[in-house]
N, C-alpha and C. Protein backbone atom coordinates (compact mmCIF):
# COMPACT_ATOMS: atom_id res chain seq x y z
N UNK A 1 25.17 61.27 37.09
CA UNK A 1 25.36 60.54 35.92
C UNK A 1 25.77 61.50 34.81
N UNK A 2 25.18 62.66 34.79
CA UNK A 2 25.55 63.63 33.68
C UNK A 2 26.99 64.03 33.87
N UNK A 3 27.40 64.32 35.08
CA UNK A 3 28.81 64.69 35.31
C UNK A 3 29.76 63.58 34.91
N UNK A 4 29.45 62.37 35.36
CA UNK A 4 30.32 61.21 35.09
C UNK A 4 30.45 60.96 33.60
N UNK A 5 29.33 60.96 32.92
CA UNK A 5 29.37 60.73 31.45
C UNK A 5 30.02 61.88 30.71
N UNK A 6 29.82 63.11 31.18
CA UNK A 6 30.48 64.26 30.54
C UNK A 6 32.00 64.11 30.62
N UNK A 7 32.47 63.67 31.81
CA UNK A 7 33.93 63.51 32.01
C UNK A 7 34.43 62.35 31.16
N UNK A 8 33.69 61.26 31.09
CA UNK A 8 34.08 60.08 30.41
C UNK A 8 34.20 60.31 28.88
N UNK A 9 33.24 60.98 28.31
CA UNK A 9 33.17 61.16 26.87
C UNK A 9 33.82 62.44 26.31
N UNK A 10 34.25 63.32 27.21
CA UNK A 10 34.82 64.56 26.74
C UNK A 10 36.06 64.41 25.88
N UNK A 11 36.87 63.36 26.20
CA UNK A 11 38.08 63.14 25.43
C UNK A 11 37.77 62.67 24.03
N UNK A 12 36.57 62.23 23.81
CA UNK A 12 36.14 61.85 22.43
C UNK A 12 35.37 62.94 21.73
N UNK A 13 35.28 64.11 22.40
CA UNK A 13 34.58 65.21 21.73
C UNK A 13 33.08 65.20 21.83
N UNK A 14 32.60 64.31 22.78
CA UNK A 14 31.16 64.15 22.98
C UNK A 14 30.69 64.97 24.18
N UNK A 15 29.67 65.78 24.02
CA UNK A 15 29.16 66.49 25.15
C UNK A 15 27.92 65.76 25.70
N UNK A 16 27.73 65.93 26.99
CA UNK A 16 26.63 65.25 27.72
C UNK A 16 25.95 66.25 28.58
N UNK A 17 24.68 66.47 28.37
CA UNK A 17 23.84 67.34 29.16
C UNK A 17 22.51 66.72 29.45
N UNK A 18 21.82 67.14 30.42
CA UNK A 18 20.47 66.62 30.79
C UNK A 18 19.43 67.76 30.64
N UNK A 19 18.30 67.47 30.04
CA UNK A 19 17.20 68.39 29.95
C UNK A 19 16.05 67.87 30.82
N UNK A 20 15.68 68.66 31.81
CA UNK A 20 14.66 68.26 32.78
C UNK A 20 13.43 69.11 32.68
N UNK A 21 12.43 68.70 31.92
CA UNK A 21 11.20 69.52 31.76
C UNK A 21 10.31 69.41 33.02
N UNK A 22 9.65 70.49 33.27
CA UNK A 22 8.64 70.55 34.32
C UNK A 22 7.29 70.14 33.74
N UNK A 23 6.26 70.84 34.17
CA UNK A 23 4.94 70.56 33.63
C UNK A 23 4.87 71.18 32.22
N UNK A 24 4.65 70.27 31.22
CA UNK A 24 4.57 70.69 29.81
C UNK A 24 3.22 70.30 29.28
N UNK A 25 2.62 71.18 28.51
CA UNK A 25 1.35 70.90 27.86
C UNK A 25 1.50 69.63 26.99
N UNK A 26 0.70 68.66 27.25
CA UNK A 26 0.77 67.36 26.48
C UNK A 26 -0.47 66.58 26.67
N UNK A 27 -0.55 65.40 26.03
CA UNK A 27 -1.71 64.56 26.23
C UNK A 27 -1.80 64.18 27.71
N UNK A 28 -0.68 64.02 28.38
CA UNK A 28 -0.71 63.64 29.83
C UNK A 28 -1.31 64.72 30.69
N UNK A 29 -1.03 65.97 30.37
CA UNK A 29 -1.58 67.01 31.23
C UNK A 29 -2.97 67.41 30.82
N UNK A 30 -3.40 67.06 29.62
CA UNK A 30 -4.80 67.35 29.18
C UNK A 30 -5.78 66.57 30.00
N UNK A 31 -5.43 65.41 30.49
CA UNK A 31 -6.39 64.59 31.29
C UNK A 31 -6.41 64.98 32.75
N UNK A 32 -5.55 65.92 33.18
CA UNK A 32 -5.56 66.32 34.54
C UNK A 32 -6.71 67.29 34.83
N UNK A 33 -7.25 67.27 35.98
CA UNK A 33 -8.33 68.07 36.47
C UNK A 33 -7.96 69.60 36.35
N UNK A 34 -8.82 70.44 35.81
CA UNK A 34 -8.53 71.85 35.65
C UNK A 34 -8.17 72.51 36.93
N UNK A 35 -8.85 72.15 37.99
CA UNK A 35 -8.54 72.73 39.30
C UNK A 35 -7.11 72.42 39.73
N UNK A 36 -6.66 71.18 39.53
CA UNK A 36 -5.34 70.81 39.80
C UNK A 36 -4.31 71.59 38.94
N UNK A 37 -4.59 71.70 37.66
CA UNK A 37 -3.68 72.46 36.77
C UNK A 37 -3.60 73.91 37.18
N UNK A 38 -4.70 74.45 37.63
CA UNK A 38 -4.73 75.88 38.11
C UNK A 38 -3.83 76.02 39.37
N UNK A 39 -3.88 75.00 40.25
CA UNK A 39 -3.05 75.03 41.46
C UNK A 39 -1.57 74.95 41.05
N UNK A 40 -1.25 74.01 40.17
CA UNK A 40 0.15 73.88 39.68
C UNK A 40 0.60 75.17 39.04
N UNK A 41 -0.19 75.72 38.15
CA UNK A 41 0.21 76.99 37.50
C UNK A 41 0.46 78.08 38.46
N UNK A 42 -0.34 78.01 39.55
CA UNK A 42 -0.17 79.08 40.62
C UNK A 42 1.19 79.10 41.27
N UNK A 43 1.83 77.92 41.38
CA UNK A 43 3.15 77.85 42.05
C UNK A 43 4.31 77.96 41.05
N UNK A 44 4.03 77.97 39.78
CA UNK A 44 5.07 78.20 38.76
C UNK A 44 5.27 79.69 38.61
N UNK A 45 6.47 80.20 38.84
CA UNK A 45 6.70 81.64 38.72
C UNK A 45 6.23 82.26 37.39
N UNK A 46 6.29 81.53 36.28
CA UNK A 46 5.82 82.10 35.04
C UNK A 46 4.27 81.92 34.85
N UNK A 47 3.64 81.27 35.84
CA UNK A 47 2.17 81.11 35.90
C UNK A 47 1.55 80.37 34.74
N UNK A 48 2.23 79.45 34.13
CA UNK A 48 1.72 78.68 33.04
C UNK A 48 2.51 77.37 32.90
N UNK A 49 1.90 76.46 32.15
CA UNK A 49 2.63 75.23 31.77
C UNK A 49 3.54 75.53 30.62
N UNK A 50 4.57 74.77 30.43
CA UNK A 50 5.47 74.92 29.31
C UNK A 50 4.92 74.39 28.03
N UNK A 51 5.46 74.78 26.92
CA UNK A 51 5.03 74.26 25.61
C UNK A 51 6.07 73.31 25.10
N UNK A 52 5.62 72.31 24.36
CA UNK A 52 6.56 71.29 23.79
C UNK A 52 7.65 71.98 22.92
N UNK A 53 7.26 73.02 22.21
CA UNK A 53 8.25 73.74 21.37
C UNK A 53 9.36 74.34 22.21
N UNK A 54 9.06 74.73 23.43
CA UNK A 54 10.15 75.32 24.28
C UNK A 54 11.14 74.25 24.71
N UNK A 55 10.67 73.07 24.98
CA UNK A 55 11.60 71.97 25.32
C UNK A 55 12.40 71.57 24.06
N UNK A 56 11.66 71.47 22.96
CA UNK A 56 12.30 71.11 21.68
C UNK A 56 13.38 72.12 21.27
N UNK A 57 13.11 73.40 21.53
CA UNK A 57 14.07 74.43 21.18
C UNK A 57 15.38 74.29 21.94
N UNK A 58 15.29 73.98 23.26
CA UNK A 58 16.49 73.78 24.07
C UNK A 58 17.25 72.58 23.60
N UNK A 59 16.55 71.47 23.36
CA UNK A 59 17.25 70.24 22.93
C UNK A 59 17.88 70.45 21.54
N UNK A 60 17.17 71.12 20.72
CA UNK A 60 17.66 71.36 19.32
C UNK A 60 18.95 72.23 19.45
N UNK A 61 18.91 73.23 20.29
CA UNK A 61 20.11 74.07 20.46
C UNK A 61 21.31 73.25 20.96
N UNK A 62 21.08 72.46 22.01
CA UNK A 62 22.18 71.65 22.54
C UNK A 62 22.72 70.66 21.57
N UNK A 63 21.82 70.10 20.72
CA UNK A 63 22.27 69.06 19.78
C UNK A 63 22.89 69.60 18.51
N UNK A 64 22.46 70.76 18.08
CA UNK A 64 22.83 71.19 16.70
C UNK A 64 23.61 72.52 16.61
N UNK A 65 23.42 73.37 17.55
CA UNK A 65 24.03 74.69 17.43
C UNK A 65 25.52 74.65 17.75
N UNK A 66 26.41 75.11 16.84
CA UNK A 66 27.84 75.06 17.08
C UNK A 66 28.25 75.81 18.38
N UNK A 67 27.46 76.81 18.78
CA UNK A 67 27.84 77.53 20.01
C UNK A 67 27.61 76.71 21.25
N UNK A 68 26.95 75.55 21.15
CA UNK A 68 26.74 74.67 22.32
C UNK A 68 27.83 73.56 22.44
N UNK A 69 28.81 73.66 21.53
CA UNK A 69 29.87 72.64 21.53
C UNK A 69 30.73 72.67 22.81
N UNK A 70 30.72 73.73 23.55
CA UNK A 70 31.56 73.91 24.73
C UNK A 70 30.74 73.76 26.04
N UNK A 71 29.46 73.26 25.87
CA UNK A 71 28.64 73.07 27.03
C UNK A 71 28.55 71.56 27.28
N UNK A 72 29.01 71.13 28.50
CA UNK A 72 28.92 69.74 28.83
C UNK A 72 28.83 69.60 30.35
N UNK A 73 28.17 68.54 30.78
CA UNK A 73 28.03 68.25 32.21
C UNK A 73 26.99 69.03 32.94
N UNK A 74 26.03 69.60 32.24
CA UNK A 74 25.06 70.44 32.89
C UNK A 74 23.62 69.85 32.82
N UNK A 75 22.81 70.26 33.80
CA UNK A 75 21.44 69.89 33.84
C UNK A 75 20.63 71.18 33.66
N UNK A 76 19.74 71.15 32.67
CA UNK A 76 18.94 72.28 32.34
C UNK A 76 17.50 72.04 32.75
N UNK A 77 17.03 72.80 33.71
CA UNK A 77 15.61 72.72 34.11
C UNK A 77 14.83 73.68 33.22
N UNK A 78 13.84 73.14 32.59
CA UNK A 78 13.01 73.98 31.72
C UNK A 78 11.58 73.82 32.30
N UNK A 79 11.35 74.61 33.37
CA UNK A 79 10.18 74.31 34.21
C UNK A 79 9.44 75.64 34.63
N UNK A 80 9.66 76.70 33.95
CA UNK A 80 9.00 77.94 34.28
C UNK A 80 9.39 78.53 35.62
N UNK A 81 10.44 77.99 36.18
CA UNK A 81 10.94 78.50 37.49
C UNK A 81 10.42 77.73 38.71
N UNK A 82 9.69 76.69 38.53
CA UNK A 82 9.13 75.98 39.66
C UNK A 82 10.26 75.38 40.54
N UNK A 83 11.35 75.11 39.95
CA UNK A 83 12.49 74.59 40.70
C UNK A 83 13.12 75.58 41.72
N UNK A 84 12.90 76.88 41.51
CA UNK A 84 13.44 77.87 42.38
C UNK A 84 12.50 78.19 43.53
N UNK A 85 11.31 77.68 43.47
CA UNK A 85 10.31 77.89 44.55
C UNK A 85 9.58 79.22 44.35
N UNK A 86 8.67 79.42 45.30
CA UNK A 86 7.82 80.68 45.21
C UNK A 86 8.30 81.69 46.20
């Protein structure tokens, strides 16, 4: 969908990207069992959950920074490396 929309809207000067957060510290993760969170953190290469500001920083960059004007059709995993495996 990201690719198709990026192609469709490029002629109008609109960029389309996807931000895919992994485990991020939030109200949802606060209710999870500490043992489970320790297991999850153990398989994340950076060994911790992400912070909301880290996701916000990426989205802010893509939305507002002029240097992002030439980035389109991409999916950005912001997951501490869990997507690359252990």
